[in-house]
Structures are given as C-alpha cells and as structure tokens.
C-alpha cells in the first residue's frame, strides 16, 4: 500500500453530481466565469478561483477543466476527502475599483452557492483572501478566508513549504542527502508562492537564480534575498541542481525539457507538464520529476482544515505537520515508481487513479 492509515470522511453534505462545467456571468459587468467539476468520488470538489484574461471562453473552459482534474489528483494523493474543481474568471480584474470588485465577488459567491456544496472555492492566481471574504457574503462554500474570520489566510506559505519538503526528498534520492545548502535552484516565477519558496531556499542555504515576466518581482527578490536574476527565456537552461516551475502551467514541453540543465524538477506551478510525454522525456533524460500535484498540495491541505470542510477550528500546528509530511510522501512515490519501473509522472497518475477508483 502506498499510504497507511485511513482517509478522513467529509463532514459536508453536498449535492452529488457528475463531472461538468458550468458557466456564469455577472449581469452588471458582463464578466464571465467558468466552474469545472472533475471527480466527486471522494467528496465535494475544492479548487481555487483563478482570474486572468483568456483568448476565448473556450480556452478558459479548457484551462478550468485541466486544473480541476489536477485538483482531483492532488486531493487524492494528499489523502483528503475531496474532489477536484476549479473556477476561472475570464477577465483582468485590476480594472475594477474596490467597491466593484467586492460586489463582483459577492455575486460570484451566490453563483457558487447555487451549486449546493458540490464546489468549494478558494484563492488562486489573480485572487486574494479579501476576495474570499467577499465571496463569503454569498455562500458558506469558500475557504482560504482571512485569519480574523477563522480561516487559514494565504495558502502560499503552506504551498511553498510543501514544495520545499518535496525538493528535499528529491535531493536525498539524487544526491544522497536532503540538504539544499550549496545547491543551485532555478525558480521560474516569483509571485506569491514563488516568493515564499525563494525565502525558504535562501534560508536553507541554497543559491537561487530566478526569473519572472514582471520585472518588479525579480528586482524585489534580488533586493530582499540577494538572488541572481536572469531573463525569463533563459531560466530553463540555467545550470542548476533543481529547476522549480512556479509560474503558470505548461512550463515543461518538448522544447523546454530539451533545454533543461538540471537533475531535478520540483516546483509549485499547477499542470507543469504540457503533456504526459513531457514527463516521460524528463525520465529518459535522467531528470527526476516531482509530480506537481503531489508536492504543491500544501495550500490545499491548509484550506481543507478550515471549519466548512473539516468540521472543526483551524489548527495551524496540525496543518504544518501534515504539509511537512509531503516530503515522506514524495519519498514513497519515488520508491513506488522505481519498484514499478515507471516514471514518477506516470506513477503519480497511477496512484491517484487508484485512490479515485479509476484506471490511468
């Protein structure tokens, strides 16, 4: 068995439903959103609300569906009584003033509530804990709330901590010891999670090289942590022990995998592999890949400990212990992959599908 012990059962009652995608638009602004529900086999679908402008609504729907599927795998490997879901808002919300933004998310909360508990939302790229507080006005099915509301606050520190633990497990496998002191880590993307990961890596004694499309972010990281900065198009080819994708998905494709000059890929971004073939290519090149939905589950673990999901008050100490266990779970996954003669990318998929009751 991959994991010992029993999985918790969800205390939530929710309306069972088949996997589906639901669209919504706010009448006042015309802004459109999509919620994708993937698997509900283990419990209600939990996943963040992402806000960005897409080329088309079809592209937004495809992204929501892919991200929701990854959330199903993430919850399964984390041993959580949850399914996978994701919401995407097809808009750049920076154009809204404070009142308009608050009203938008309150309306969106009512839409989430109309799904009758099949979907629980939380913070994601382009949204904040304050937005979640506004969503709370329209529904109870929201987590990632500010601490003053009994929530877990920003999930970014927990996500970064989990990635660090996964990275240490990979280092132990490749280099014989988990210490990252003196190791070079190339971090792609220093947004909310990437910035937290950089701080942890510097504290661990690693040499950090980073890049981001937003220059202000890397300049801040350089000033605060003394990291080395390279152009975004150069980050894949940096000679490093670890490459850490922490931006948007599809960072690993045929072109970028070929350019990598590292021994390990372990980062916080969702859906890092542009295709399953990219995961196999990493394996063939002798690069150890830590499946993203395994190591970046820290934020999900944190928000799932909030009262609406867990049925009890948020316990930070217990959450940190569970997040730190991502290291041990990564070691278990790597052992399973080796024993099964599978790439880590494929092995993670097999284990997640087993937990979900499907076939990879």
Foldseek 3Di string as FASTA:
>chain_A
DLDDDAFDAWPDDFDDDAWDKDKDADPVPRWIKIKTAHDCLQHAAEEAEAEDADPDVVVRRVVFNQQQQLSQLLCLLLRHSHHGMYMYTNHQCPPDDPVRLLVVLCVVLLVVVVNGRSYAYEHDHNDALVSQVSSVNRHPRYACHPVVVLGLHHLQLQLLLLLLLLQLLVCCVVVVGSQQAAFEEEEEDCDSNNVSNLVVSVVSNHAYEYEYPDVVRVVVCCVPRVHHYDYNVCSLQDQGQEYAYEDEACLQDPVSLVNHNYQEYTYQYPHNHPDVVSLVSCVVVNHAYQHNSLRSCRSVLRRCQGCVTVVDGRDVVVSSVSSSCSNVSSNSLVVQCVVVVHHSSVSSVQSSCVSSVHHD
